Amino acid sequence: MKIAIIGAGNLGISIAKGLIMSNAITSLYLSKRKIGDLEEFKNFPKVEITTDNKIAVQNSDILIIAVQPLQLENVLHEIKDLLTENHVLISTVTGFAISRMESIVGERFIVRAMPNTAIAVGKSMTCLSSNKTGEKRIPIAEAIFNRLGTSIIIPESKMQAATVICASGIAFWMRLIRATTQGAIQLGFDAKEAQELSMQTCLGAASLLIESGMHPEAEIDKVTTPRGCTIEGLNEMEHNGLSSSLIKGIQASFKKINTITTN
């Protein structure tokens, strides 16, 4: 696949690393105004670095646009006259509706994608939606993002919520891992051991649910014995608002994202 990433910031770089790692490219153009942070890609075969979005567009079929929301409109105006009937536009931009993109570039193959930064290690949860025309190219987007983790197709109306759960969600889970790491240190493990214990236990919990298809409570029941230490700890956490705080945090993020939307 001939792919361009326009706006190679943190997310764009993560996508680039995932594409290279999974050998998913025929060619890859990385476009950014300041290319200093892209030095690590200079020695990769099939990868070109440029400050010119137009060059990236002219040499690619699939355009992954990963700029900031306030930059997207200018980028679309800049490249619209170079778009052909073969181009597929995949936008990872938060809060920028497909209809608004269509108002600038016309009715083309447009897909919105919301991955997260775990895409750099092939573990992203990516949500996809498209316009009617773009439905014909959704399989291309699925092929790309399934090589970089897991993808699901959702209505565009749920994309804001997906951003909170999957993209912001990475930070939420990182904070939980940090907290359990700190707890392990308090119990006597050194920092490196504590983080390893926390990370691998988190991975194991998620893997159990993925492999078994079980509900979390069913797996919790397996490790909570009557009057045992696990239920004692869980109850203490719930008394102090663990689940409530997480749900309130998710709701707060969703409320915020709907105040910064550019739909």
Protein backbone atom coordinates (compact mmCIF):
# COMPACT_ATOMS: atom_id res chain seq x y z
CA MET A 1 0.00 0.00 0.00
CA LYS A 2 1.19 3.49 -0.85
CA ILE A 3 0.41 5.43 2.31
CA ALA A 4 0.99 9.00 3.41
CA ILE A 5 0.67 10.24 6.98
CA ILE A 6 -0.02 13.96 6.96
CA GLY A 7 0.74 15.38 10.37
CA ALA A 8 3.35 13.05 11.85
CA GLY A 9 2.96 14.10 15.49
CA ASN A 10 2.68 11.65 18.40
CA LEU A 11 -0.20 9.66 16.92
CA GLY A 12 1.12 9.89 13.36
CA ILE A 13 4.52 8.61 14.47
CA SER A 14 2.86 5.76 16.38
CA ILE A 15 0.91 4.79 13.25
CA ALA A 16 4.09 4.98 11.16
CA LYS A 17 5.94 2.68 13.56
CA GLY A 18 3.09 0.20 13.48
CA LEU A 19 2.92 0.22 9.68
CA ILE A 20 6.67 -0.32 9.39
CA MET A 21 6.71 -3.03 12.07
CA SER A 22 3.90 -4.94 10.34
CA ASN A 23 5.44 -4.49 6.87
CA ALA A 24 2.17 -3.01 5.63
CA ILE A 25 3.64 -0.49 3.18
CA THR A 26 4.81 -0.31 -0.41
CA SER A 27 5.83 3.25 0.34
CA LEU A 28 5.26 5.58 3.27
CA TYR A 29 5.43 9.37 3.15
CA LEU A 30 5.61 11.24 6.44
CA SER A 31 4.69 14.90 6.14
CA LYS A 32 5.24 17.51 8.83
CA ARG A 33 6.15 21.19 8.95
CA LYS A 34 9.05 20.56 11.33
CA ILE A 35 10.70 17.27 10.49
CA GLY A 36 13.29 17.25 13.26
CA ASP A 37 11.36 14.64 15.27
CA LEU A 38 11.32 12.30 12.24
CA GLU A 39 15.06 11.68 12.13
CA GLU A 40 14.61 8.09 13.32
CA PHE A 41 12.72 7.25 10.11
CA LYS A 42 15.38 8.48 7.67
CA ASN A 43 17.13 5.13 7.42
CA PHE A 44 14.03 3.02 6.92
CA PRO A 45 13.59 1.67 3.40
CA LYS A 46 10.38 2.72 1.60
CA VAL A 47 9.97 5.74 3.92
CA GLU A 48 10.17 9.34 2.69
CA ILE A 49 10.10 12.42 4.89
CA THR A 50 8.80 15.75 3.59
CA THR A 51 7.48 19.12 4.69
CA ASP A 52 5.30 19.29 1.57
CA ASN A 53 1.84 17.75 1.92
CA LYS A 54 1.31 17.95 -1.82
CA ILE A 55 4.29 15.68 -2.54
CA ALA A 56 2.95 13.18 -0.03
CA VAL A 57 -0.49 13.22 -1.67
CA GLN A 58 0.83 12.88 -5.21
CA ASN A 59 2.86 9.79 -4.30
CA SER A 60 0.25 7.96 -2.23
CA ASP A 61 -3.17 6.35 -2.55
CA ILE A 62 -4.14 6.22 1.11
CA LEU A 63 -3.92 9.46 3.07
CA ILE A 64 -3.94 9.17 6.85
CA ILE A 65 -4.52 12.67 8.17
CA ALA A 66 -3.38 13.06 11.77
CA VAL A 67 -3.14 16.82 12.24
CA GLN A 68 -4.64 18.90 15.04
CA PRO A 69 -8.37 19.69 14.62
CA LEU A 70 -7.75 23.38 13.92
CA GLN A 71 -5.31 22.46 11.14
CA LEU A 72 -7.47 20.00 9.24
CA GLU A 73 -9.53 22.48 7.26
CA ASN A 74 -6.42 24.22 5.92
CA VAL A 75 -4.83 20.89 5.01
CA LEU A 76 -7.93 19.78 3.11
CA HIS A 77 -8.06 23.05 1.16
CA GLU A 78 -4.36 22.64 0.38
CA ILE A 79 -4.66 19.14 -1.08
CA LYS A 80 -8.20 19.02 -2.50
CA ASP A 81 -7.19 19.81 -6.09
CA LEU A 82 -4.67 16.96 -6.04
CA LEU A 83 -7.14 14.30 -4.97
CA THR A 84 -8.06 11.67 -7.55
CA GLU A 85 -10.91 9.17 -7.65
CA ASN A 86 -8.52 6.57 -6.20
CA HIS A 87 -7.53 8.42 -3.05
CA VAL A 88 -8.83 7.18 0.27
CA LEU A 89 -8.88 9.76 3.08
CA ILE A 90 -8.57 8.38 6.59
CA SER A 91 -8.92 11.07 9.25
CA THR A 92 -7.83 10.47 12.84
CA VAL A 93 -8.79 14.03 13.77
CA THR A 94 -10.97 14.36 16.85
CA GLY A 95 -14.36 15.99 16.42
CA PHE A 96 -14.17 16.79 12.70
CA ALA A 97 -17.28 15.37 11.03
CA ILE A 98 -17.21 13.56 7.71
CA SER A 99 -19.88 15.95 6.38
CA ARG A 100 -17.56 18.87 7.04
CA MET A 101 -14.73 17.14 5.22
CA GLU A 102 -17.08 16.49 2.29
CA SER A 103 -18.00 20.17 2.19
CA ILE A 104 -14.34 20.90 1.37
CA VAL A 105 -13.15 17.96 -0.76
CA GLY A 106 -16.43 16.66 -2.14
CA GLU A 107 -17.95 13.19 -1.91
CA ARG A 108 -14.88 10.98 -1.81
CA PHE A 109 -13.81 7.82 -0.02
CA ILE A 110 -13.67 9.18 3.53
CA VAL A 111 -13.10 7.15 6.67
CA ARG A 112 -12.81 8.39 10.22
CA ALA A 113 -10.51 6.33 12.43
CA MET A 114 -9.89 6.63 16.13
CA PRO A 115 -6.86 4.54 17.08
CA ASN A 116 -4.77 4.94 20.20
CA THR A 117 -1.04 5.19 20.75
CA ALA A 118 -0.74 1.42 21.37
CA ILE A 119 -0.77 1.29 17.57
CA ALA A 120 3.01 1.72 17.80
CA VAL A 121 3.26 -1.83 19.19
CA GLY A 122 0.43 -3.36 17.15
CA LYS A 123 -2.11 -3.31 19.98
CA SER A 124 -4.44 -0.43 19.14
CA MET A 125 -8.19 -0.57 19.57
CA THR A 126 -9.34 1.42 16.52
CA CYS A 127 -12.91 2.51 15.80
CA LEU A 128 -13.89 3.19 12.17
CA SER A 129 -16.79 4.96 10.48
CA SER A 130 -17.28 6.30 6.95
CA ASN A 131 -19.49 8.19 4.57
CA LYS A 132 -21.69 6.20 2.15
CA THR A 133 -19.03 6.34 -0.56
CA GLY A 134 -16.33 5.37 1.89
CA GLU A 135 -18.13 2.13 2.79
CA LYS A 136 -16.54 0.67 -0.35
CA ARG A 137 -13.09 1.32 1.11
CA ILE A 138 -13.77 0.45 4.74
CA PRO A 139 -12.14 -2.97 4.10
CA ILE A 140 -8.90 -1.15 3.25
CA ALA A 141 -9.02 0.74 6.55
CA GLU A 142 -9.81 -2.50 8.39
CA ALA A 143 -6.87 -4.23 6.70
CA ILE A 144 -4.55 -1.44 7.82
CA PHE A 145 -5.73 -1.16 11.42
CA ASN A 146 -6.21 -4.90 11.98
CA ARG A 147 -2.51 -5.27 11.27
CA LEU A 148 -1.95 -2.71 14.00
CA GLY A 149 -4.29 -4.19 16.59
CA THR A 150 -8.06 -4.63 16.46
CA SER A 151 -10.69 -2.53 14.70
CA ILE A 152 -14.47 -2.27 14.83
CA ILE A 153 -16.92 -0.33 12.67
CA ILE A 154 -19.25 2.02 14.54
CA PRO A 155 -21.73 4.77 13.56
CA GLU A 156 -20.07 8.16 13.30
CA SER A 157 -22.44 9.39 16.03
CA LYS A 158 -20.49 7.24 18.53
CA MET A 159 -17.04 8.43 17.47
CA GLN A 160 -16.76 11.00 20.27
CA ALA A 161 -17.54 8.36 22.87
CA ALA A 162 -15.07 5.97 21.25
CA THR A 163 -12.39 8.64 21.49
CA VAL A 164 -12.89 8.82 25.25
CA ILE A 165 -12.95 5.05 25.80
CA CYS A 166 -10.13 4.06 23.45
CA ALA A 167 -7.83 7.06 22.98
CA SER A 168 -8.21 8.81 26.33
CA GLY A 169 -8.65 5.34 27.77
CA ILE A 170 -4.95 4.58 27.27
CA ALA A 171 -4.17 7.33 29.80
CA PHE A 172 -6.80 6.01 32.21
CA TRP A 173 -5.29 2.52 32.15
CA MET A 174 -1.77 3.93 32.49
CA ARG A 175 -2.86 5.73 35.65
CA LEU A 176 -4.31 2.49 37.06
CA ILE A 177 -1.06 0.69 36.29
CA ARG A 178 0.87 3.47 37.97
CA ALA A 179 -1.36 3.25 41.05
CA THR A 180 -0.96 -0.51 41.41
CA THR A 181 2.79 -0.07 40.88
CA GLN A 182 2.87 2.41 43.76
CA GLY A 183 0.90 -0.02 45.88
CA ALA A 184 3.40 -2.78 45.14
CA ILE A 185 6.29 -0.51 46.13
CA GLN A 186 4.56 0.19 49.42
CA LEU A 187 4.36 -3.57 49.98
CA GLY A 188 8.10 -3.91 49.59
CA PHE A 189 8.91 -4.42 45.90
CA ASP A 190 11.44 -2.18 44.21
CA ALA A 191 10.14 0.15 41.48
CA LYS A 192 11.19 -2.03 38.53
CA GLU A 193 9.72 -5.20 40.02
CA ALA A 194 6.55 -3.37 41.01
CA GLN A 195 5.93 -2.05 37.51
CA GLU A 196 6.62 -5.45 35.96
CA LEU A 197 4.13 -7.09 38.32
CA SER A 198 1.52 -4.44 37.57
CA MET A 199 1.96 -4.45 33.78
CA GLN A 200 1.93 -8.21 33.38
CA THR A 201 -1.06 -8.64 35.69
CA CYS A 202 -2.97 -6.01 33.68
CA LEU A 203 -2.04 -7.80 30.46
CA GLY A 204 -3.11 -11.13 31.95
CA ALA A 205 -6.49 -9.79 33.05
CA ALA A 206 -7.27 -8.38 29.60
CA SER A 207 -6.02 -11.55 27.89
CA LEU A 208 -8.24 -13.72 30.09
CA LEU A 209 -11.34 -11.80 29.02
CA ILE A 210 -10.31 -11.74 25.35
CA GLU A 211 -9.55 -15.46 25.21
CA SER A 212 -12.44 -16.67 27.37
CA GLY A 213 -15.15 -14.20 26.36
CA MET A 214 -16.18 -14.08 30.01
CA HIS A 215 -17.64 -11.12 31.87
CA PRO A 216 -15.16 -9.45 34.27
CA GLU A 217 -17.31 -10.36 37.29
CA ALA A 218 -17.12 -14.05 36.41
CA GLU A 219 -13.32 -13.89 36.52
CA ILE A 220 -13.43 -11.83 39.73
CA ASP A 221 -15.58 -14.54 41.34
CA LYS A 222 -12.80 -17.06 40.68
CA VAL A 223 -10.35 -15.18 42.90
CA THR A 224 -12.64 -13.87 45.65
CA THR A 225 -12.94 -16.44 48.44
CA PRO A 226 -15.18 -15.89 51.49
CA ARG A 227 -13.50 -13.56 53.99
CA GLY A 228 -10.43 -13.54 51.75
CA CYS A 229 -7.91 -10.80 51.01
CA THR A 230 -9.17 -10.13 47.46
CA ILE A 231 -12.75 -9.28 48.44
CA GLU A 232 -11.43 -7.26 51.37
CA GLY A 233 -9.35 -5.15 48.99
CA LEU A 234 -12.09 -4.82 46.37
CA ASN A 235 -14.65 -3.70 48.94
CA GLU A 236 -12.24 -1.11 50.36
CA MET A 237 -11.62 0.25 46.84
CA GLU A 238 -15.35 0.42 46.12
CA HIS A 239 -16.07 2.11 49.47
CA ASN A 240 -13.60 4.78 48.35
CA GLY A 241 -15.28 5.18 44.97
CA LEU A 242 -13.11 3.20 42.51
CA SER A 243 -15.81 2.33 39.97
CA SER A 244 -17.70 5.57 40.57
CA SER A 245 -14.57 7.67 40.02
CA LEU A 246 -13.74 5.87 36.78
CA ILE A 247 -17.26 6.29 35.42
CA LYS A 248 -17.35 9.96 36.45
CA GLY A 249 -13.97 10.51 34.80
CA ILE A 250 -15.19 8.96 31.55
CA GLN A 251 -18.33 11.13 31.67
CA ALA A 252 -16.23 14.25 32.34
CA SER A 253 -13.99 13.47 29.34
CA PHE A 254 -17.04 12.92 27.14
CA LYS A 255 -18.57 16.20 28.27
CA LYS A 256 -15.32 17.99 27.51
CA ILE A 257 -14.85 16.46 24.06
CA ASN A 258 -18.30 17.66 23.10
CA THR A 259 -17.32 21.25 23.94
CA ILE A 260 -14.27 21.16 21.65
CA THR A 261 -15.85 19.39 18.72
CA THR A 262 -15.54 21.00 15.30
CA ASN A 263 -18.51 19.12 13.80
